[in-house]
Amino acid sequence: MDLEKRPQQPAAPAMPAEPAAPAIRASDADRDRIADILREAMAVGRLTADEHADRIDAVYRAKTVAELEPLVRDLPVPDGRGGASSAPYAPDDSPGPVTAENLVAIFSSSTRKGRWRIGRKTNVFSLFGSVEIDLTEALFGQRTTVINATAIFGSVEVRVPENISLRGSGTGILGSFEVDTLEAHDPQAPVVVINGFSVLGSIEAKPKRGKRITDLHHRMRKHFGA
């Protein structure tokens, strides 16, 4: 017996695909925020200097926010909850805008030394000039201190005590970028990170022989109120 043939139903018209959400363009503030997270990660040893350099390069080549997010996906955000820094030198590591000190030498020289309080971030620019930063007697109010240095036909020299950590990442184009990496025996000692870019100039950072923070443990106890 023949089976009753049912009329075929016309296929439902295909729904037009929803347009993809437009990619959000990254701003300079977006890039700086990601760069700060990467610098903090290198300062506490989560990234090597090479890994930091690769990611920083990707940060400033990124066009959209979506390109920035994967660069810090495996890193804690330094907001006091992700554990990025729990050292006693952390009263100034709270979230919020960072006021940077600027040292500029254009056809001149600039020197910062003696008993002074170094902030979380210092920007240095030398054009046909020289900048000297001596941290051997400086007061560290935070664990991580970042110095961003640019030297064009000029020089930048940084000197630090022997019992802190010194790390750096930078590039020299027909010039030099030299940081004598130093790891403090005390894991809670201050960390100074040098980020540099020199063109026909020089950026140099190293410990100053015989100079140490003699009251390091006293300062740490003071931060805890002990």
Protein backbone atom coordinates (compact mmCIF):
# COMPACT_ATOMS: atom_id res chain seq x y z
CA MET A 1 0.00 0.00 0.00
CA ASP A 2 1.30 3.37 -0.94
CA LEU A 3 2.24 5.59 1.97
CA GLU A 4 0.42 8.84 2.08
CA LYS A 5 2.73 11.54 0.87
CA ARG A 6 2.79 14.68 2.90
CA PRO A 7 3.53 17.93 1.16
CA GLN A 8 6.96 19.21 1.98
CA GLN A 9 7.05 22.30 4.16
CA PRO A 10 9.05 25.18 2.71
CA ALA A 11 12.33 25.75 4.53
CA ALA A 12 12.31 28.59 7.01
CA PRO A 13 14.14 31.61 5.70
CA ALA A 14 17.61 32.02 7.18
CA MET A 15 17.83 34.67 9.82
CA PRO A 16 20.37 37.34 9.06
CA ALA A 17 23.45 37.04 11.25
CA GLU A 18 23.73 39.65 13.96
CA PRO A 19 26.53 42.06 13.27
CA ALA A 20 29.57 41.53 15.49
CA ALA A 21 30.04 44.05 18.24
CA PRO A 22 32.57 46.66 17.17
CA ALA A 23 36.00 46.33 18.76
CA ILE A 24 36.70 49.04 21.31
CA ARG A 25 39.78 51.05 20.49
CA ALA A 26 42.43 51.13 23.22
CA SER A 27 43.32 54.49 24.74
CA ASP A 28 46.68 55.62 26.10
CA ALA A 29 45.24 55.20 29.60
CA ASP A 30 44.30 51.59 28.79
CA ARG A 31 47.84 50.85 27.63
CA ASP A 32 49.40 52.55 30.66
CA ARG A 33 47.17 50.53 33.00
CA ILE A 34 48.26 47.25 31.42
CA ALA A 35 51.90 48.37 31.39
CA ASP A 36 51.72 49.13 35.13
CA ILE A 37 50.39 45.62 35.83
CA LEU A 38 53.22 44.10 33.81
CA ARG A 39 55.85 46.21 35.58
CA GLU A 40 54.51 45.16 38.97
CA ALA A 41 54.52 41.51 37.85
CA MET A 42 58.18 41.75 36.83
CA ALA A 43 59.08 43.57 40.02
CA VAL A 44 57.78 40.71 42.18
CA GLY A 45 59.23 37.99 39.94
CA ARG A 46 56.09 36.79 38.14
CA LEU A 47 57.61 37.71 34.76
CA THR A 48 61.17 37.51 33.56
CA ALA A 49 62.78 40.54 31.96
CA ASP A 50 62.40 38.94 28.50
CA GLU A 51 58.73 38.10 29.08
CA HIS A 52 58.11 41.64 30.31
CA ALA A 53 59.83 43.15 27.25
CA ASP A 54 57.77 40.98 24.86
CA ARG A 55 54.49 41.90 26.53
CA ILE A 56 55.31 45.61 26.80
CA ASP A 57 56.06 45.61 23.07
CA ALA A 58 52.66 43.99 22.44
CA VAL A 59 50.95 46.56 24.70
CA TYR A 60 52.08 49.52 22.63
CA ARG A 61 51.29 47.76 19.35
CA ALA A 62 47.75 46.86 20.45
CA LYS A 63 44.93 48.67 18.68
CA THR A 64 41.96 47.42 20.73
CA VAL A 65 41.12 46.60 24.34
CA ALA A 66 40.57 42.97 23.32
CA GLU A 67 44.24 42.75 22.30
CA LEU A 68 45.36 44.07 25.69
CA GLU A 69 43.36 41.76 27.95
CA PRO A 70 45.23 38.49 27.12
CA LEU A 71 48.54 40.12 28.10
CA VAL A 72 47.55 40.21 31.79
CA ARG A 73 45.06 37.33 31.91
CA ASP A 74 47.49 35.15 33.91
CA LEU A 75 48.51 37.96 36.31
CA PRO A 76 46.83 39.33 39.44
CA VAL A 77 45.69 42.92 39.34
CA PRO A 78 47.69 44.89 41.93
CA ASP A 79 44.64 46.19 43.81
CA GLY A 80 45.43 44.83 47.24
CA ARG A 81 43.17 41.78 46.75
CA GLY A 82 45.06 39.79 44.14
CA GLY A 83 48.16 39.32 46.25
CA ALA A 84 50.46 41.11 43.86
CA SER A 85 52.29 42.74 46.74
CA SER A 86 51.97 42.09 50.46
CA ALA A 87 55.28 43.50 51.63
CA PRO A 88 55.44 46.11 54.41
CA TYR A 89 56.63 48.69 51.87
CA ALA A 90 53.11 49.00 50.48
CA PRO A 91 51.26 52.03 51.97
CA ASP A 92 51.37 53.80 48.58
CA ASP A 93 50.52 50.72 46.47
CA SER A 94 46.77 51.31 46.76
CA PRO A 95 44.75 51.69 43.55
CA GLY A 96 44.19 55.10 42.06
CA PRO A 97 46.10 57.60 39.97
CA VAL A 98 49.84 57.78 40.56
CA THR A 99 51.45 61.19 40.67
CA ALA A 100 54.84 60.84 39.00
CA GLU A 101 57.85 63.04 39.63
CA ASN A 102 59.46 64.36 36.45
CA LEU A 103 63.18 65.00 36.05
CA VAL A 104 64.13 66.76 32.81
CA ALA A 105 67.54 67.81 31.47
CA ILE A 106 67.66 69.56 28.09
CA PHE A 107 71.13 70.87 27.27
CA SER A 108 71.64 70.84 31.04
CA SER A 109 72.02 68.55 34.04
CA SER A 110 69.69 67.43 36.81
CA THR A 111 70.63 65.65 40.04
CA ARG A 112 68.45 64.04 42.71
CA LYS A 113 70.29 62.74 45.76
CA GLY A 114 70.53 62.94 49.53
CA ARG A 115 67.78 62.29 52.08
CA TRP A 116 64.55 62.46 50.08
CA ARG A 117 61.40 60.39 49.66
CA ILE A 118 61.19 58.59 46.33
CA GLY A 119 57.65 58.13 45.01
CA ARG A 120 56.09 55.16 43.25
CA LYS A 121 56.95 56.47 39.78
CA THR A 122 59.56 58.83 38.35
CA ASN A 123 59.79 59.89 34.71
CA VAL A 124 63.23 60.96 33.47
CA PHE A 125 64.00 62.69 30.17
CA SER A 126 67.47 63.68 29.00
CA LEU A 127 68.07 65.50 25.70
CA PHE A 128 71.69 66.54 25.17
CA GLY A 129 71.89 66.56 28.96
CA SER A 130 72.54 64.37 31.98
CA VAL A 131 70.39 63.15 34.87
CA GLU A 132 71.79 61.56 38.02
CA ILE A 133 69.53 59.80 40.55
CA ASP A 134 71.15 58.58 43.76
CA LEU A 135 68.84 56.43 45.90
CA THR A 136 71.44 55.36 48.45
CA GLU A 137 70.02 57.73 51.10
CA ALA A 138 66.47 57.94 49.77
CA LEU A 139 63.40 57.01 51.83
CA PHE A 140 61.24 54.31 50.24
CA GLY A 141 57.57 54.72 51.17
CA GLN A 142 56.48 51.74 49.03
CA ARG A 143 57.96 48.42 48.06
CA THR A 144 58.05 48.91 44.26
CA THR A 145 59.54 52.02 42.69
CA VAL A 146 59.44 52.46 38.90
CA ILE A 147 61.76 54.80 37.00
CA ASN A 148 60.91 55.38 33.33
CA ALA A 149 63.98 56.84 31.61
CA THR A 150 64.47 58.27 28.12
CA ALA A 151 67.87 59.47 26.91
CA ILE A 152 68.36 61.09 23.50
CA PHE A 153 71.95 62.23 22.94
CA GLY A 154 72.11 62.31 26.74
CA SER A 155 72.69 60.17 29.80
CA VAL A 156 70.77 58.87 32.80
CA GLU A 157 72.55 57.31 35.77
CA VAL A 158 70.81 55.62 38.70
CA ARG A 159 72.58 54.41 41.84
CA VAL A 160 70.87 52.24 44.46
CA PRO A 161 71.81 50.70 47.83
CA GLU A 162 73.36 47.23 47.74
CA ASN A 163 70.64 45.56 49.83
CA ILE A 164 67.60 46.22 47.62
CA SER A 165 66.43 44.53 44.40
CA LEU A 166 67.20 46.20 41.06
CA ARG A 167 65.54 45.10 37.82
CA GLY A 168 65.20 46.60 34.39
CA SER A 169 63.93 46.36 30.85
CA GLY A 170 64.90 48.67 28.01
CA THR A 171 66.36 49.29 24.58
CA GLY A 172 69.29 51.20 23.21
CA ILE A 173 69.38 52.37 19.59
CA LEU A 174 72.95 53.35 18.71
CA GLY A 175 73.17 53.83 22.45
CA SER A 176 73.24 51.74 25.61
CA PHE A 177 70.86 50.47 28.26
CA GLU A 178 72.63 48.73 31.15
CA VAL A 179 71.06 47.59 34.42
CA ASP A 180 73.10 45.51 36.86
CA THR A 181 70.34 43.18 38.06
CA LEU A 182 70.36 42.77 41.82
CA GLU A 183 68.27 40.51 44.06
CA ALA A 184 68.09 41.38 47.74
CA HIS A 185 68.51 38.60 50.30
CA ASP A 186 65.52 39.99 52.18
CA PRO A 187 62.35 39.19 50.17
CA GLN A 188 60.65 42.26 51.69
CA ALA A 189 63.31 44.74 50.64
CA PRO A 190 62.38 47.58 48.23
CA VAL A 191 62.42 46.87 44.50
CA VAL A 192 63.54 49.45 41.94
CA VAL A 193 62.49 48.81 38.32
CA ILE A 194 64.17 50.74 35.51
CA ASN A 195 62.37 50.98 32.16
CA GLY A 196 64.49 52.73 29.58
CA PHE A 197 64.84 53.82 25.97
CA SER A 198 67.98 55.49 24.66
CA VAL A 199 68.87 56.86 21.23
CA LEU A 200 72.54 57.79 20.82
CA GLY A 201 72.60 58.07 24.59
CA SER A 202 73.09 55.95 27.68
CA ILE A 203 71.01 54.68 30.58
CA GLU A 204 72.84 52.98 33.42
CA ALA A 205 71.67 51.64 36.78
CA LYS A 206 73.72 49.75 39.34
CA PRO A 207 74.31 49.42 43.08
CA LYS A 208 76.72 51.79 44.78
CA ARG A 209 79.48 49.88 46.53
CA GLY A 210 79.36 50.11 50.32
CA LYS A 211 75.95 51.85 50.42
CA ARG A 212 73.17 49.99 52.22
CA ILE A 213 69.86 50.74 53.91
CA THR A 214 71.11 50.20 57.45
CA ASP A 215 67.72 50.55 59.17
CA LEU A 216 65.79 48.32 56.76
CA HIS A 217 64.25 46.07 59.43
CA HIS A 218 63.48 49.05 61.67
CA ARG A 219 61.49 50.67 58.85
CA MET A 220 59.61 47.43 58.22
CA ARG A 221 58.61 47.15 61.90
CA LYS A 222 57.58 50.80 61.88
CA HIS A 223 55.18 50.20 58.96
CA PHE A 224 53.53 47.42 61.00
CA GLY A 225 53.35 49.60 64.11
CA ALA A 226 55.45 47.10 66.11
